[in-house]
Protein backbone atom coordinates (compact mmCIF):
# COMPACT_ATOMS: atom_id res chain seq x y z
CA MET A 1 43.17 -9.50 21.34
CA MET A 2 43.66 -9.28 25.12
CA SER A 3 45.71 -11.79 27.23
CA GLY A 4 45.84 -14.13 24.27
CA LYS A 5 42.04 -14.41 24.04
CA HIS A 6 39.81 -13.29 21.16
CA PHE A 7 36.62 -11.36 21.95
CA LYS A 8 33.75 -11.53 19.50
CA ALA A 9 32.72 -8.01 18.49
CA HIS A 10 29.10 -7.05 18.94
CA GLU A 11 27.18 -6.00 15.83
CA VAL A 12 23.99 -4.07 15.30
CA SER A 13 21.34 -6.28 13.72
CA CYS A 14 20.71 -4.97 10.21
CA CYS A 15 17.41 -6.86 10.00
CA ILE A 16 16.00 -5.16 13.11
CA LYS A 17 17.46 -1.80 12.12
CA TYR A 18 15.93 -1.66 8.65
CA PHE A 19 12.69 -3.32 9.71
CA ILE A 20 12.12 -0.55 12.29
CA PHE A 21 13.15 2.06 9.71
CA GLY A 22 10.81 0.71 7.00
CA PHE A 23 7.88 0.32 9.38
CA ASN A 24 8.27 3.81 10.80
CA ILE A 25 8.78 5.57 7.49
CA ILE A 26 5.31 4.34 6.46
CA PHE A 27 4.03 5.47 9.85
CA TRP A 28 5.73 8.86 9.38
CA PHE A 29 4.23 9.44 5.92
CA LEU A 30 0.75 8.51 7.19
CA GLY A 31 1.13 11.01 10.04
CA LEU A 32 2.23 13.66 7.56
CA ALA A 33 -0.83 12.90 5.41
CA PHE A 34 -3.19 13.19 8.41
CA LEU A 35 -1.61 16.51 9.41
CA GLY A 36 -1.91 17.76 5.84
CA ILE A 37 -5.60 16.84 5.65
CA GLY A 38 -6.27 18.50 9.01
CA LEU A 39 -4.46 21.72 8.11
CA TRP A 40 -6.15 21.81 4.68
CA ALA A 41 -9.59 21.43 6.32
CA TRP A 42 -8.79 24.18 8.80
CA ASN A 43 -7.63 26.44 5.98
CA GLU A 44 -10.88 25.79 4.06
CA LYS A 45 -12.86 26.82 7.16
CA GLY A 46 -10.72 29.94 7.67
CA VAL A 47 -9.35 28.78 11.03
CA LEU A 48 -5.71 29.34 10.02
CA SER A 49 -6.43 32.97 9.17
CA ASN A 50 -8.43 33.47 12.39
CA ILE A 51 -7.18 31.18 15.17
CA SER A 52 -9.74 32.59 17.63
CA SER A 53 -12.48 30.88 15.58
CA ILE A 54 -11.45 27.57 17.19
CA THR A 55 -13.28 28.59 20.35
CA ASP A 56 -16.40 29.62 18.40
CA LEU A 57 -17.44 26.01 17.76
CA GLY A 58 -19.91 24.67 20.28
CA GLY A 59 -19.33 21.04 19.39
CA PHE A 60 -16.54 18.66 18.50
CA ASP A 61 -14.51 19.52 15.40
CA PRO A 62 -13.58 16.22 13.62
CA VAL A 63 -10.49 17.95 12.20
CA TRP A 64 -8.94 17.69 15.68
CA LEU A 65 -8.85 13.90 15.22
CA PHE A 66 -6.71 14.24 12.10
CA LEU A 67 -4.40 16.79 13.74
CA VAL A 68 -3.88 14.89 17.00
CA VAL A 69 -3.55 11.43 15.43
CA GLY A 70 -1.38 12.83 12.64
CA GLY A 71 0.83 14.69 15.11
CA VAL A 72 1.41 11.61 17.27
CA MET A 73 2.10 9.41 14.23
CA PHE A 74 4.47 12.03 12.80
CA VAL A 75 6.50 12.34 16.03
CA LEU A 76 6.67 8.57 16.60
CA GLY A 77 7.50 7.83 12.97
CA PHE A 78 10.22 10.50 12.89
CA ALA A 79 11.83 9.24 16.13
CA GLY A 80 11.69 5.62 14.96
CA CYS A 81 13.07 6.36 11.46
CA ILE A 82 15.96 8.60 12.49
CA GLY A 83 16.70 6.54 15.59
CA ALA A 84 17.02 3.33 13.57
CA LEU A 85 18.85 4.85 10.59
CA ARG A 86 21.37 6.84 12.64
CA GLU A 87 21.54 4.24 15.42
CA ASN A 88 20.53 6.95 17.88
CA SER A 89 19.71 5.25 21.18
CA PHE A 90 18.08 8.41 22.62
CA LEU A 91 15.50 8.62 19.82
CA LEU A 92 14.88 4.87 19.98
CA LYS A 93 14.32 5.08 23.73
CA PHE A 94 11.99 8.03 23.20
CA PHE A 95 10.11 5.99 20.57
CA SER A 96 9.71 2.93 22.81
CA VAL A 97 8.79 4.93 25.95
CA PHE A 98 6.24 7.06 24.05
CA LEU A 99 4.76 3.92 22.48
CA GLY A 100 4.67 2.30 25.93
CA ILE A 101 2.81 5.30 27.39
CA ILE A 102 0.24 5.13 24.58
CA PHE A 103 -0.19 1.39 25.17
CA PHE A 104 -0.65 1.98 28.93
CA LEU A 105 -3.23 4.74 28.30
CA GLU A 106 -5.15 2.49 25.89
CA LEU A 107 -5.12 -0.35 28.42
CA THR A 108 -6.25 1.97 31.22
CA ALA A 109 -9.02 3.42 29.04
CA GLY A 110 -10.24 -0.10 28.18
CA VAL A 111 -10.37 -1.16 31.84
CA LEU A 112 -12.10 2.05 32.92
CA ALA A 113 -14.62 1.76 30.06
CA PHE A 114 -15.51 -1.75 31.26
CA VAL A 115 -15.74 -0.77 34.94
CA PHE A 116 -17.60 2.51 34.42
CA LYS A 117 -19.92 1.45 31.60
CA ASP A 118 -22.86 3.52 32.84
CA TRP A 119 -20.72 6.64 33.24
CA ILE A 120 -19.33 6.17 29.71
CA LYS A 121 -22.89 5.82 28.43
CA ASP A 122 -23.88 9.10 30.12
CA GLN A 123 -20.80 10.85 28.69
CA LEU A 124 -21.62 9.54 25.21
CA ASN A 125 -25.15 10.87 25.60
CA PHE A 126 -23.79 14.26 26.71
CA PHE A 127 -21.29 14.30 23.82
CA ILE A 128 -23.93 13.55 21.18
CA ASN A 129 -26.41 16.07 22.57
CA ASN A 130 -23.73 18.75 22.77
CA ASN A 131 -22.91 18.17 19.12
CA ILE A 132 -26.60 18.17 18.17
CA ARG A 133 -26.71 21.74 19.46
CA ALA A 134 -23.78 22.66 17.20
CA TYR A 135 -25.00 20.68 14.16
CA ARG A 136 -25.14 23.68 11.83
CA ASP A 137 -22.00 25.37 13.20
CA ASP A 138 -19.43 23.24 11.41
CA ILE A 139 -19.71 21.35 8.12
CA ASP A 140 -17.33 18.57 9.22
CA LEU A 141 -19.32 17.99 12.41
CA GLN A 142 -22.55 17.99 10.39
CA ASN A 143 -21.17 15.36 8.00
CA LEU A 144 -19.97 13.23 10.95
CA ILE A 145 -23.40 13.29 12.62
CA ASP A 146 -25.15 12.51 9.33
CA PHE A 147 -22.81 9.60 8.66
CA THR A 148 -23.35 8.23 12.19
CA GLN A 149 -27.14 8.42 11.96
CA GLU A 150 -27.21 6.83 8.51
CA TYR A 151 -24.73 4.06 9.38
CA TRP A 152 -26.37 3.04 12.66
CA GLU A 153 -29.90 3.88 11.46
CA CYS A 154 -30.56 6.09 14.46
CA CYS A 155 -31.75 9.58 15.30
CA GLY A 156 -30.48 11.69 18.20
CA ALA A 157 -28.80 10.29 21.32
CA PHE A 158 -31.82 8.37 22.65
CA GLY A 159 -34.50 9.41 20.18
CA ALA A 160 -35.62 11.93 17.56
CA ASP A 161 -36.86 14.39 20.20
CA ASP A 162 -33.24 15.08 21.14
CA TRP A 163 -33.22 17.37 18.12
CA ASN A 164 -35.24 19.82 20.19
CA LEU A 165 -31.85 20.87 21.55
CA ASN A 166 -30.98 22.42 18.20
CA ILE A 167 -32.27 25.95 17.54
CA TYR A 168 -33.25 25.08 13.95
CA PHE A 169 -35.14 21.86 14.71
CA ASN A 170 -36.84 22.56 18.06
CA CYS A 171 -40.63 22.65 18.28
CA THR A 172 -41.04 25.91 20.19
CA ASP A 173 -43.64 28.40 18.94
CA THR A 174 -40.97 31.10 18.62
CA ASN A 175 -38.84 29.06 16.23
CA PRO A 176 -39.05 30.72 12.76
CA SER A 177 -36.99 28.02 11.01
CA ARG A 178 -38.49 26.00 8.15
CA GLU A 179 -36.92 22.95 9.82
CA LYS A 180 -39.00 23.49 12.97
CA CYS A 181 -40.16 20.20 14.53
CA GLY A 182 -38.09 18.29 12.01
CA VAL A 183 -34.93 16.19 11.91
CA PRO A 184 -31.93 16.08 9.55
CA PHE A 185 -32.30 14.02 6.38
CA SER A 186 -29.91 11.42 7.85
CA CYS A 187 -32.67 10.39 10.27
CA CYS A 188 -34.97 9.41 7.41
CA THR A 189 -35.50 5.77 6.43
CA LYS A 190 -34.05 5.11 2.99
CA ASP A 191 -35.98 3.98 -0.06
CA PRO A 192 -33.65 1.81 -2.21
CA ALA A 193 -35.50 2.98 -5.31
CA GLU A 194 -34.50 6.62 -4.69
CA ASP A 195 -31.23 7.67 -6.33
CA VAL A 196 -31.36 11.29 -5.16
CA ILE A 197 -31.34 12.12 -1.44
CA ASN A 198 -34.37 14.10 -0.32
CA THR A 199 -32.83 16.58 2.12
CA GLN A 200 -36.31 17.81 3.16
CA CYS A 201 -37.65 14.39 4.15
CA GLY A 202 -37.46 15.23 7.87
CA TYR A 203 -39.41 18.50 7.72
CA ASP A 204 -42.29 18.71 10.27
CA ILE A 205 -42.01 14.98 10.98
CA ARG A 206 -42.01 15.30 14.78
CA ALA A 207 -45.29 17.22 14.65
CA LYS A 208 -46.94 13.98 13.48
CA PRO A 209 -48.08 11.06 15.70
CA ASP A 210 -45.43 8.52 16.78
CA SER A 211 -47.01 5.79 14.69
CA GLU A 212 -46.61 7.89 11.56
CA GLN A 213 -43.06 8.95 12.46
CA ARG A 214 -41.93 5.31 12.47
CA THR A 215 -42.74 5.07 8.77
CA PHE A 216 -40.46 7.93 7.76
CA ILE A 217 -37.61 8.22 10.29
CA TYR A 218 -35.47 6.06 12.55
CA ILE A 219 -36.95 5.98 16.03
CA LYS A 220 -34.06 4.45 17.98
CA GLY A 221 -31.32 6.67 19.40
CA CYS A 222 -27.64 6.40 18.49
CA VAL A 223 -26.48 5.41 21.99
CA PRO A 224 -28.54 2.16 22.14
CA GLN A 225 -27.78 1.47 18.47
CA PHE A 226 -24.05 1.84 19.18
CA GLU A 227 -24.36 -0.60 22.10
CA LYS A 228 -26.17 -3.06 19.84
CA TRP A 229 -23.52 -2.70 17.11
CA LEU A 230 -20.75 -3.19 19.67
CA GLN A 231 -22.32 -6.42 20.96
CA GLU A 232 -22.79 -7.78 17.43
CA ASN A 233 -19.21 -6.92 16.40
CA LEU A 234 -17.46 -7.54 19.71
CA THR A 235 -15.13 -10.18 18.26
CA VAL A 236 -14.02 -7.93 15.39
CA VAL A 237 -13.53 -4.89 17.65
CA ALA A 238 -11.60 -6.95 20.22
CA GLY A 239 -9.47 -8.45 17.45
CA ILE A 240 -8.57 -4.99 16.11
CA PHE A 241 -7.59 -3.71 19.56
CA ILE A 242 -5.55 -6.84 20.33
CA GLY A 243 -3.81 -6.56 16.94
CA ILE A 244 -2.91 -2.90 17.61
CA ALA A 245 -1.67 -3.80 21.10
CA LEU A 246 0.52 -6.62 19.73
CA LEU A 247 2.00 -4.29 17.10
CA GLN A 248 2.83 -1.77 19.81
CA ILE A 249 4.46 -4.41 22.03
CA PHE A 250 6.37 -5.77 19.02
CA GLY A 251 7.60 -2.24 18.17
CA ILE A 252 8.73 -1.62 21.76
CA CYS A 253 10.61 -4.96 21.90
CA LEU A 254 12.36 -4.32 18.57
CA ALA A 255 13.39 -0.80 19.57
CA GLN A 256 14.73 -2.01 22.93
CA ASN A 257 16.58 -4.84 21.19
CA LEU A 258 18.20 -2.38 18.79
CA VAL A 259 19.13 -0.08 21.68
CA SER A 260 20.81 -3.02 23.44
CA ASP A 261 22.78 -3.84 20.28
CA ILE A 262 23.89 -0.21 19.86
CA GLU A 263 25.02 0.09 23.49
CA ALA A 264 26.80 -3.28 23.31
CA VAL A 265 28.73 -2.13 20.21
CA ARG A 266 29.73 1.10 21.94
CA GLU A 267 30.92 -0.78 25.02
CA SER A 268 32.92 -3.24 22.91
CA CYS A 269 34.58 -0.30 21.12
CA LEU A 270 35.73 1.10 24.48
CA PHE A 271 37.58 -2.10 25.35
CA THR A 272 39.31 -2.63 21.98
């Protein structure tokens, strides 16, 4: 009571507080799971016992996806959980700013991808070819390439001859490999009647005429097949990205709202 007037005390919204906490604790556990999977995979490949082996890989290691995504989710989830539970405005501000930066980077990447479509296509081609070279160097990378070629029914970046970049599959006379002039089994067309995968189905296939190759392997490259898939599923892809963006904006607004409540309570305490 001041000068005979009553001032209504500010209160922190319990609904917002525990909603942010509940949402972020799920986020935090998912990040922890991703980090655990990534570290387990690295341990299986001996990377943890020999850190220098990271630089030995010529291509992309899919484990990095788990580690980076898991790390970001872990940090954001931790800041959101503790910030909401302890009503810590610093952690909540960190959470909202970090989430805002991620949202801005995603938006920038989307705009640049639309403006520089041809450059992105060239980079995708370079990325795939670089990983074709390293196909046998890492089991996770090998599984990723096989999955991609099977899912999109493609072979190489722009065609089966891209596998000439790999030392095991190239058609040079000096290549002693049994897989010479071949392609991985994931390039082979699938027979629904076959229950067991024939891992040797691509042997010597590129030494045959093009007309015969079409019968046994996918002719189209993964870059054009990805473009085709993207066009056919544009609505779904756009919906997913919009949904993620809305969740991020919603999280930022809730965190800022909670910060405002916390600061208002602190200010009201100073004047009572």
